[in-house]
Protein backbone atom coordinates (compact mmCIF):
# COMPACT_ATOMS: atom_id res chain seq x y z
CA MET A 1 -0.08 -0.01 0.18
CA SER A 2 1.24 3.30 -0.63
CA ARG A 3 2.27 5.77 2.19
CA LYS A 4 0.92 8.73 1.48
CA PRO A 5 -2.82 8.25 2.26
CA LEU A 6 -0.82 6.95 5.95
CA LEU A 7 1.41 10.31 6.08
CA ILE A 8 -2.06 12.41 4.89
CA ILE A 9 -4.07 10.77 7.83
CA PHE A 10 -1.32 11.49 9.96
CA VAL A 11 -0.93 15.05 9.63
CA THR A 12 -5.13 15.48 9.54
CA VAL A 13 -4.86 14.39 13.06
CA PHE A 14 -1.68 16.01 14.79
CA ILE A 15 -3.10 19.17 13.70
CA ASP A 16 -6.50 18.57 14.94
CA LEU A 17 -5.11 17.17 18.19
CA LEU A 18 -2.81 20.37 19.05
CA GLY A 19 -5.62 21.94 19.16
CA PHE A 20 -7.03 19.84 21.36
CA GLY A 21 -4.02 19.68 23.91
CA ILE A 22 -4.47 23.90 23.79
CA VAL A 23 -7.98 23.55 25.46
CA MET A 24 -7.81 20.76 27.74
CA PRO A 25 -5.07 21.99 30.10
CA LEU A 26 -6.52 25.20 30.98
CA LEU A 27 -10.99 24.08 31.02
CA PRO A 28 -11.27 23.59 35.15
CA ARG A 29 -9.55 27.04 35.41
CA TYR A 30 -11.54 28.55 32.75
CA ALA A 31 -14.97 27.27 33.90
CA GLU A 32 -14.18 28.84 36.89
CA HIS A 33 -15.04 32.53 35.53
CA PHE A 34 -18.52 31.21 34.19
CA LEU A 35 -20.03 29.81 37.53
CA PRO A 36 -23.12 31.08 39.02
CA ALA A 37 -22.23 34.19 41.20
CA GLU A 38 -23.31 32.51 44.41
CA ILE A 39 -20.48 29.64 43.81
CA GLN A 40 -18.03 32.11 42.07
CA THR A 41 -17.59 34.83 44.72
CA GLY A 42 -14.39 33.60 46.54
CA VAL A 43 -13.16 30.80 44.77
CA THR A 44 -10.52 32.63 42.90
CA ARG A 45 -10.63 35.04 45.19
CA PHE A 46 -7.00 35.51 46.35
CA ALA A 47 -5.93 36.36 50.23
CA ASP A 48 -3.59 39.75 49.11
CA VAL A 49 -6.94 41.66 47.73
CA GLY A 50 -4.15 43.89 46.17
CA ALA A 51 -3.08 41.75 43.85
CA GLN A 52 -6.76 41.87 42.00
CA PRO A 53 -9.34 44.20 42.37
CA ALA A 54 -12.45 42.72 44.38
CA GLY A 55 -15.13 40.30 42.91
CA ARG A 56 -14.89 38.48 40.08
CA PRO A 57 -11.37 37.54 38.49
CA ILE A 58 -10.54 38.81 35.23
CA GLY A 59 -11.64 36.72 32.18
CA PRO A 60 -9.52 34.37 30.62
CA SER A 61 -7.95 34.40 27.38
CA SER A 62 -9.89 33.64 24.42
CA ALA A 63 -6.36 33.56 22.20
CA PRO A 64 -5.99 29.46 23.22
CA GLY A 65 -9.36 28.68 21.61
CA TYR A 66 -9.03 31.09 18.57
CA VAL A 67 -5.49 28.85 17.59
CA ALA A 68 -7.42 25.75 18.23
CA ALA A 69 -10.13 26.62 15.86
CA ALA A 70 -7.51 27.82 13.05
CA LEU A 71 -5.86 24.35 13.27
CA SER A 72 -8.81 22.37 13.05
CA ALA A 73 -9.48 24.87 10.12
CA LEU A 74 -6.40 24.04 8.65
CA ALA A 75 -6.97 19.81 9.46
CA PHE A 76 -10.15 20.69 7.59
CA VAL A 77 -8.77 22.01 4.52
CA TYR A 78 -5.32 20.31 4.18
CA GLY A 79 -8.03 17.36 4.59
CA LEU A 80 -10.48 18.38 1.98
CA MET A 81 -7.73 19.07 -0.26
CA SER A 82 -5.50 16.09 0.00
CA LEU A 83 -7.27 13.03 1.70
CA PRO A 84 -8.57 10.55 -0.45
CA GLU A 85 -11.65 7.77 0.51
CA SER A 86 -10.16 4.48 1.88
CA LEU A 87 -13.28 2.57 1.51
CA ARG A 88 -13.10 0.66 -2.14
CA PRO A 89 -16.45 0.44 -3.70
CA GLY A 90 -18.28 -3.30 -3.17
CA VAL A 91 -16.75 -3.12 0.02
CA THR A 92 -19.76 -4.24 2.56
CA HIS A 93 -19.97 -4.80 6.07
CA PRO A 94 -22.27 -7.28 8.50
CA LYS A 95 -25.37 -5.00 9.36
CA GLU A 96 -25.51 -6.30 13.05
CA ARG A 97 -26.36 -3.85 15.76
CA ARG A 98 -23.94 -3.39 18.33
CA SER A 99 -24.87 -1.87 21.32
CA TRP A 100 -22.25 0.94 22.89
CA PHE A 101 -22.18 -1.75 25.99
CA ASN A 102 -22.94 -4.61 26.72
CA LEU A 103 -24.23 -5.76 29.79
CA THR A 104 -24.63 -9.47 29.52
CA ALA A 105 -20.62 -9.78 28.58
CA ALA A 106 -19.96 -7.68 31.27
CA ARG A 107 -21.97 -9.52 33.82
CA GLN A 108 -20.09 -12.78 32.08
CA ALA A 109 -16.84 -11.54 32.36
CA LEU A 110 -17.16 -9.66 35.60
CA SER A 111 -18.37 -13.26 37.29
CA CYS A 112 -15.05 -14.68 35.70
CA GLY A 113 -12.09 -14.66 37.99
CA PRO A 114 -9.34 -13.79 35.93
CA GLN A 115 -11.02 -11.34 33.40
CA GLY A 116 -12.99 -9.79 36.33
CA LEU A 117 -10.02 -8.94 38.08
CA ILE A 118 -8.69 -7.53 35.34
CA LEU A 119 -11.37 -5.57 34.10
CA ALA A 120 -11.72 -4.38 37.69
CA THR A 121 -8.12 -2.88 37.70
CA ILE A 122 -8.53 -1.04 34.04
CA PHE A 123 -11.62 1.05 35.85
CA LEU A 124 -9.54 1.82 38.33
CA THR A 125 -6.95 2.51 36.62
CA THR A 126 -8.60 4.99 34.32
CA PHE A 127 -10.73 6.32 36.73
CA ALA A 128 -7.90 6.69 39.10
CA PHE A 129 -5.89 8.87 36.38
CA ALA A 130 -9.25 10.88 35.19
CA GLN A 131 -9.25 12.21 38.39
CA PHE A 132 -5.64 13.42 38.45
CA GLU A 133 -5.88 15.02 35.00
CA SER A 134 -9.24 16.72 35.22
CA THR A 135 -8.10 18.26 38.62
CA LEU A 136 -4.29 19.05 37.64
CA SER A 137 -4.72 22.39 36.27
CA LEU A 138 -6.06 23.86 39.68
CA LEU A 139 -3.81 21.90 42.04
CA THR A 140 -1.37 23.76 40.40
CA LYS A 141 -3.14 27.05 41.30
CA HIS A 142 -2.55 26.48 44.65
CA LEU A 143 1.66 25.57 44.35
CA GLY A 144 4.42 27.40 44.33
CA GLY A 145 3.29 31.08 45.85
CA THR A 146 3.51 32.80 48.49
CA ASP A 147 -0.13 33.86 49.20
CA ALA A 148 -2.71 31.54 50.16
CA VAL A 149 -6.05 30.89 48.03
CA GLU A 150 -8.56 31.11 49.12
CA VAL A 151 -11.48 28.24 48.17
CA ILE A 152 -14.89 27.93 49.16
CA HIS A 153 -15.26 24.44 49.78
CA ASP A 154 -19.13 24.29 47.58
CA TRP A 155 -19.85 20.55 46.33
CA ARG A 156 -22.05 22.35 43.37
CA ARG A 157 -18.86 23.65 42.17
CA GLY A 158 -17.41 20.44 41.78
CA ALA A 159 -20.39 18.83 40.20
CA ILE A 160 -20.38 21.81 37.35
CA LEU A 161 -16.66 21.74 36.78
CA GLY A 162 -16.78 17.65 36.51
CA CYS A 163 -20.01 17.88 34.29
CA LEU A 164 -18.03 19.60 31.64
CA MET A 165 -14.63 18.13 31.96
CA ALA A 166 -16.58 14.75 31.72
CA SER A 167 -19.03 15.67 28.79
CA PHE A 168 -16.16 15.16 26.33
CA SER A 169 -16.10 11.93 27.12
CA ALA A 170 -19.30 10.94 27.30
CA MET A 171 -19.96 12.42 23.95
CA GLN A 172 -17.15 10.47 22.75
CA PHE A 173 -18.33 7.11 24.06
CA LEU A 174 -22.31 8.35 22.79
CA PHE A 175 -21.10 9.04 19.22
CA ALA A 176 -18.02 6.86 18.12
CA PRO A 177 -19.70 3.59 17.57
CA LEU A 178 -22.54 5.67 15.31
CA TRP A 179 -19.43 7.45 13.36
CA GLY A 180 -17.96 4.01 12.75
CA ARG A 181 -21.58 2.81 11.36
CA LEU A 182 -22.15 5.53 9.30
CA SER A 183 -18.13 5.51 7.70
CA ASP A 184 -19.30 1.70 6.85
CA ARG A 185 -21.96 3.11 4.52
CA ILE A 186 -21.13 6.47 3.17
CA GLY A 187 -17.21 6.16 3.09
CA ARG A 188 -14.42 7.47 5.84
CA ARG A 189 -13.36 10.16 4.36
CA PRO A 190 -16.78 12.75 4.70
CA VAL A 191 -16.96 11.26 8.15
CA LEU A 192 -13.33 12.26 8.95
CA LEU A 193 -14.07 15.93 7.23
CA VAL A 194 -17.58 16.37 9.14
CA GLY A 195 -15.63 15.58 12.56
CA LEU A 196 -12.76 18.35 11.58
CA ALA A 197 -15.68 21.21 10.53
CA GLY A 198 -17.59 20.33 13.78
CA SER A 199 -13.88 20.51 15.94
CA THR A 200 -13.70 24.20 14.46
CA VAL A 201 -16.78 25.12 14.88
CA SER A 202 -16.74 24.26 18.27
CA TYR A 203 -13.54 25.31 19.21
CA PHE A 204 -14.28 28.50 17.30
CA LEU A 205 -17.90 29.07 20.17
CA PHE A 206 -15.23 28.52 22.98
CA ALA A 207 -13.33 31.56 21.91
CA LEU A 208 -15.95 33.44 21.85
CA VAL A 209 -17.60 32.46 25.08
CA THR A 210 -14.65 33.44 26.77
CA GLN A 211 -13.74 36.43 25.01
CA ARG A 212 -17.14 38.16 25.93
CA GLY A 213 -16.85 36.86 29.71
CA ASN A 214 -19.44 35.94 32.18
CA HIS A 215 -21.46 38.81 31.37
CA GLY A 216 -24.95 38.03 31.14
CA PRO A 217 -26.66 35.67 28.29
CA ILE A 218 -25.60 35.08 24.59
CA LEU A 219 -28.84 34.66 22.95
CA GLY A 220 -30.58 33.71 25.94
CA LEU A 221 -28.67 30.87 27.55
CA SER A 222 -25.56 31.82 30.13
CA PRO A 223 -21.94 31.50 28.86
CA LEU A 224 -21.71 28.40 31.20
CA THR A 225 -24.66 26.41 28.72
CA TRP A 226 -22.27 27.74 25.84
CA LEU A 227 -19.53 26.20 27.48
CA PHE A 228 -21.20 22.95 27.86
CA ILE A 229 -22.22 23.22 24.50
CA THR A 230 -19.05 23.44 23.02
CA ARG A 231 -17.60 21.03 24.71
CA ILE A 232 -20.45 18.48 24.19
CA GLY A 233 -19.66 19.50 20.01
CA ALA A 234 -16.13 19.03 20.55
CA GLY A 235 -16.52 15.63 22.21
CA ILE A 236 -18.99 14.59 19.04
CA SER A 237 -16.53 15.34 16.76
CA GLY A 238 -13.61 14.10 18.48
CA ALA A 239 -15.36 11.53 18.55
CA THR A 240 -14.07 10.00 14.77
CA ILE A 241 -11.17 9.42 15.82
CA SER A 242 -12.39 5.51 15.95
CA THR A 243 -12.96 6.59 12.02
CA ALA A 244 -9.03 7.38 11.58
CA GLN A 245 -8.63 3.82 12.82
CA ALA A 246 -10.97 2.41 10.26
CA TYR A 247 -8.90 4.26 7.76
CA ILE A 248 -6.17 2.92 8.72
CA ALA A 249 -7.45 -0.44 8.67
CA ASP A 250 -8.68 0.45 5.10
CA SER A 251 -5.07 1.47 3.53
CA THR A 252 -2.64 -1.09 4.72
CA ASP A 253 -2.58 -5.11 5.03
CA ALA A 254 -2.38 -7.30 8.07
CA LYS A 255 1.47 -7.48 7.93
CA SER A 256 1.72 -3.47 8.37
CA ARG A 257 -1.30 -2.27 10.23
CA GLY A 258 0.17 -2.28 13.77
CA LYS A 259 2.63 0.14 12.19
CA GLY A 260 0.17 2.18 10.71
CA MET A 261 -1.96 2.33 14.08
CA ALA A 262 1.19 3.33 15.67
CA LEU A 263 0.59 6.63 13.38
CA ILE A 264 -2.34 7.41 15.29
CA GLY A 265 -0.97 6.77 18.86
CA ALA A 266 2.19 9.09 17.22
CA ALA A 267 0.03 12.34 16.68
CA PHE A 268 -1.69 11.61 20.32
CA GLY A 269 1.88 11.46 21.64
CA ILE A 270 3.10 14.73 19.70
CA GLY A 271 -0.41 16.32 20.01
CA PHE A 272 -0.59 16.22 23.82
CA THR A 273 3.29 17.62 23.83
CA PHE A 274 3.50 20.37 21.30
CA GLY A 275 -0.15 21.36 21.89
CA PRO A 276 0.44 22.83 25.33
CA LEU A 277 3.33 23.72 24.58
CA LEU A 278 1.98 26.18 21.61
CA GLY A 279 -0.88 26.99 24.15
CA ALA A 280 2.02 28.21 26.64
CA ALA A 281 2.75 30.79 23.80
CA PHE A 282 -1.10 32.81 23.78
CA VAL A 283 -1.45 33.32 27.59
CA SER A 284 -0.04 35.17 30.42
CA GLY A 285 2.92 33.97 32.45
CA ASP A 286 2.24 36.28 35.19
CA ALA A 287 1.85 34.37 38.69
CA ALA A 288 0.65 37.39 40.51
CA GLY A 289 2.93 36.24 43.45
CA HIS A 290 0.41 33.19 44.68
CA SER A 291 0.27 30.25 42.09
CA VAL A 292 1.47 29.00 39.03
CA SER A 293 0.46 31.11 35.80
CA ASP A 294 -1.87 30.35 33.00
CA ARG A 295 1.45 29.79 30.85
CA GLY A 296 3.11 27.70 33.53
CA ASN A 297 -0.06 25.18 33.57
CA PHE A 298 0.71 24.78 29.95
CA LEU A 299 4.06 23.48 30.97
CA VAL A 300 2.89 21.19 33.44
CA PHE A 301 0.52 19.40 30.74
CA ALA A 302 3.47 19.41 27.77
CA TYR A 303 6.12 18.17 30.67
CA ILE A 304 3.27 15.15 30.74
CA GLY A 305 2.44 14.78 27.43
CA PHE A 306 6.34 14.23 27.11
CA ILE A 307 6.91 11.44 29.78
CA LEU A 308 3.68 9.76 28.69
CA THR A 309 5.37 9.56 24.74
CA LEU A 310 8.67 8.56 26.04
CA ALA A 311 6.94 5.92 28.63
CA GLN A 312 5.15 4.14 26.10
CA GLY A 313 7.67 4.88 22.71
CA LEU A 314 10.81 3.85 24.83
CA LEU A 315 10.84 2.57 27.78
CA VAL A 316 7.09 0.65 27.56
CA ARG A 317 7.84 -1.55 24.38
CA ARG A 318 11.40 -2.51 25.22
CA LEU A 319 10.72 -3.76 28.45
CA ILE A 320 7.55 -5.84 28.17
CA PRO A 321 9.66 -8.31 26.07
CA LYS A 322 11.95 -8.60 29.28
CA LEU A 323 9.24 -8.45 32.20
CA GLY A 324 5.98 -9.80 30.46
CA GLU A 325 2.54 -8.47 31.11
CA PHE A 326 1.90 -9.65 34.93
CA ARG A 327 5.08 -7.96 35.86
CA MET A 328 4.56 -4.67 33.36
CA ALA A 329 1.42 -4.54 35.38
CA MET A 330 2.21 -5.29 38.64
CA ALA A 331 4.92 -2.27 38.35
CA GLY A 332 2.47 -0.16 36.77
CA VAL A 333 -0.12 -0.25 39.25
CA VAL A 334 2.57 0.15 42.43
CA LEU A 335 4.06 3.13 40.89
CA MET A 336 0.36 4.32 40.50
CA THR A 337 -0.07 4.22 43.80
CA LEU A 338 2.72 5.24 44.75
CA GLY A 339 2.52 8.52 42.34
CA LEU A 340 -0.73 9.48 43.56
CA PHE A 341 -0.03 9.76 47.23
CA LEU A 342 2.77 11.71 46.73
CA ILE A 343 0.95 14.04 44.51
CA GLY A 344 -1.63 14.00 47.36
CA LEU A 345 1.77 14.88 49.86
CA ALA A 346 2.29 17.64 47.14
CA ALA A 347 -0.88 19.32 47.50
CA HIS A 348 -1.32 19.12 51.18
CA GLN A 349 2.41 21.05 51.06
CA ALA A 350 1.22 22.89 48.40
CA SER A 351 4.60 22.21 46.99
CA PHE A 352 5.38 22.60 43.55
CA THR A 353 8.79 21.25 43.27
CA LEU A 354 7.20 18.22 45.10
CA LEU A 355 4.63 17.82 42.42
CA ILE A 356 7.40 18.60 39.34
CA ALA A 357 9.17 15.18 40.80
CA VAL A 358 6.56 12.67 41.29
CA LEU A 359 4.72 13.54 38.02
CA PRO A 360 6.28 10.73 35.70
CA VAL A 361 5.88 7.96 38.64
CA VAL A 362 2.21 8.09 38.38
CA VAL A 363 2.74 9.21 34.43
CA VAL A 364 4.94 5.91 33.98
CA GLY A 365 3.07 3.61 35.88
CA TYR A 366 -0.23 4.59 34.13
CA SER A 367 1.74 4.33 30.89
CA ALA A 368 2.67 0.19 32.04
CA ALA A 369 -0.52 -0.49 33.41
CA THR A 370 -3.12 0.59 30.95
CA PRO A 371 -2.23 -1.69 27.49
CA ALA A 372 -0.68 -4.30 30.13
CA THR A 373 -3.76 -5.44 31.63
CA LEU A 374 -5.34 -4.84 28.46
CA SER A 375 -2.93 -7.23 27.18
CA MET A 376 -3.62 -10.20 30.08
CA LEU A 377 -7.45 -9.57 28.89
CA SER A 378 -6.79 -10.71 25.36
CA LEU A 379 -4.38 -13.26 26.91
CA THR A 380 -7.16 -15.15 29.34
CA SER A 381 -10.08 -14.77 26.46
CA ALA A 382 -10.70 -17.64 24.22
CA ALA A 383 -10.02 -16.95 20.50
CA ASP A 384 -13.79 -16.33 19.67
CA GLU A 385 -13.54 -13.56 22.38
CA GLN A 386 -10.93 -11.36 21.63
CA GLY A 387 -13.20 -8.87 20.19
CA GLU A 388 -15.92 -8.28 22.67
CA LEU A 389 -13.81 -8.60 25.57
CA LEU A 390 -11.47 -6.24 24.64
CA GLY A 391 -14.27 -3.73 23.19
CA LEU A 392 -15.50 -4.31 26.42
CA GLY A 393 -12.00 -3.43 28.21
CA GLN A 394 -12.12 -0.12 26.21
CA SER A 395 -15.74 0.33 27.53
CA MET A 396 -14.79 0.42 31.22
CA SER A 397 -11.77 2.44 30.31
CA SER A 398 -14.93 5.09 28.57
CA LEU A 399 -16.82 5.07 31.65
CA ALA A 400 -14.09 5.26 34.17
CA ARG A 401 -12.92 8.65 31.81
CA ILE A 402 -16.53 10.10 32.16
CA LEU A 403 -17.18 9.12 36.09
CA GLY A 404 -13.62 10.05 37.55
CA PRO A 405 -13.90 13.81 36.80
CA VAL A 406 -16.43 14.22 38.34
CA ALA A 407 -15.57 11.83 41.05
CA GLY A 408 -12.11 14.34 40.91
CA LEU A 409 -13.49 17.26 40.65
CA LEU A 410 -16.59 16.86 43.49
CA LEU A 411 -13.93 15.81 46.08
CA HIS A 412 -11.58 18.63 44.95
CA SER A 413 -14.21 21.03 46.49
CA GLY A 414 -13.61 19.61 49.52
CA GLY A 415 -9.92 19.47 50.10
CA ILE A 416 -7.48 19.57 47.24
CA SER A 417 -5.33 16.56 48.00
CA ARG A 418 -8.82 14.07 48.06
CA PRO A 419 -8.69 13.35 44.42
CA TYR A 420 -5.08 12.11 44.96
CA TRP A 421 -5.71 10.65 48.31
CA LEU A 422 -8.67 8.19 46.66
CA GLY A 423 -6.56 7.78 43.94
CA ALA A 424 -4.31 5.96 45.71
CA GLY A 425 -6.67 3.98 47.58
CA LEU A 426 -7.98 2.82 45.15
CA MET A 427 -4.71 1.72 43.41
CA GLY A 428 -3.66 0.26 46.55
CA LEU A 429 -6.65 -2.18 45.79
CA GLY A 430 -5.82 -2.65 42.12
CA VAL A 431 -2.39 -3.86 42.80
CA LEU A 432 -4.12 -6.21 44.95
CA MET A 433 -6.19 -7.30 42.37
CA VAL A 434 -3.49 -7.99 40.11
CA TRP A 435 -1.16 -9.68 42.68
CA GLY A 436 -4.10 -12.11 42.62
CA LEU A 437 -3.59 -12.98 38.63
CA ARG A 438 -0.46 -14.14 39.68
CA SER A 439 -0.81 -17.53 39.30
CA ALA A 440 -3.98 -17.16 36.31
CA VAL A 441 -2.24 -14.91 34.14
CA GLY A 442 1.82 -15.61 34.89
CA GLY A 443 1.77 -18.67 33.14
CA LEU A 444 0.12 -17.32 29.80
CA SER A 445 2.66 -14.37 29.67
CA ARG A 446 4.66 -15.14 26.04
CA THR A 447 7.44 -13.56 26.85
CA GLY A 448 9.90 -12.59 24.46
CA SER A 449 8.02 -14.53 21.70
CA THR A 450 6.67 -12.70 18.47
CA ALA A 451 3.16 -13.38 19.01
CA SER A 452 3.89 -10.87 22.58
CA ILE A 453 5.46 -8.53 20.99
CA GLY A 454 2.93 -7.54 18.16
CA ARG A 455 0.25 -7.88 20.92
CA TRP A 456 1.63 -5.47 22.53
CA ARG A 457 2.24 -3.13 19.86
CA THR A 458 -1.36 -3.37 18.64
CA ILE A 459 -2.48 -2.64 22.36
CA LEU A 460 -0.28 0.34 23.24
CA ASN A 461 -1.60 1.64 20.17
CA TRP A 462 -5.02 1.20 20.29
CA ASN A 463 -4.80 2.52 24.01
CA ALA A 464 -2.93 5.94 22.93
CA VAL A 465 -6.33 6.31 21.35
């Protein structure tokens, strides 16, 4: 197969993901500016009132939203001009009806000892990491400064921010199967282009809302409602990533498919690193002496993206042939437990230096644990159950990405350390679960074999998206 379509889809997805990497890191910080007045009062008021005028804080910069919209528009134009259709004429697909989440299969798998433990571990790992990721930009507001930041402990704040963060993942969970089925009928190219156009509109609306600020209704709707609309639209549009995977599958043979899927994983890793770096150029670097600035927050997320890319691209791929699935999973959950505990300690001590030092622990742990547990799920499944059970594992991850931000931001409203203490506790339970699999999975790990390495490459690339 020609490499040109693969390069085109890589460039298209990468440019679009740069926009996502720009908007995501500051979303909770931005959303605080649009909370109702009775919740907003005091949420981000500085102890040193001379540092900023009383009342609502100055609104966030709209530049990141406009840059994200411009990048998505660029990806749309590039795809429109260069992206060929990958679905060959005359190709038919089975017209079976498939649900988003197979409850019967879930009950059967959870009732099976090894598979139930693996699925529970997948859920806990993703849930704990989603809590950490969704609260990080708010955590950095409280670290590294000389002035205390007063926080109103209002559960409504956490509920609103959590639902806003979860709305993106919820739409992806609901619409990915729909986009996939539609692409089977009308082709991959039009679905991908519609997704890129939707992302452009969503980010542009996001920029308009942040530019206007919290100054009354917009077309009869509150700015907070419009913020939800923009995130829901971005989630629906971003659900076409599964169609990009299908495009890769159409454009490659079985031998080169793993390498093709690696392009999507690489686009994510690079996008999540360079998106925040690009966003940092369009926000203020002034921390006002009390917290990490918006620019510093972007750089923290770029740091995480860089570690994640190195861990998945180099460390995990090289260690799995030597360690096998069980040991890699155990190392991952132990590192996540330790890392989340130390992040909770950094939050408790308001130490930005400690946070930066321990972030690699939890990120490397997540990079190892997630694909390792998916691989163990594959090892314990019969040949005719692989697709169903791996799909079920992905569904468990999707549900965790929806519920994790809600729980994390609710807990954050009660204390900035709480999400990380809970995450560490859950991962401690994950350690016990993985240890319980040592006899069931340890003997199945084909350490160093060609089959094991090939399966790991496929799962690593799939998990990246």
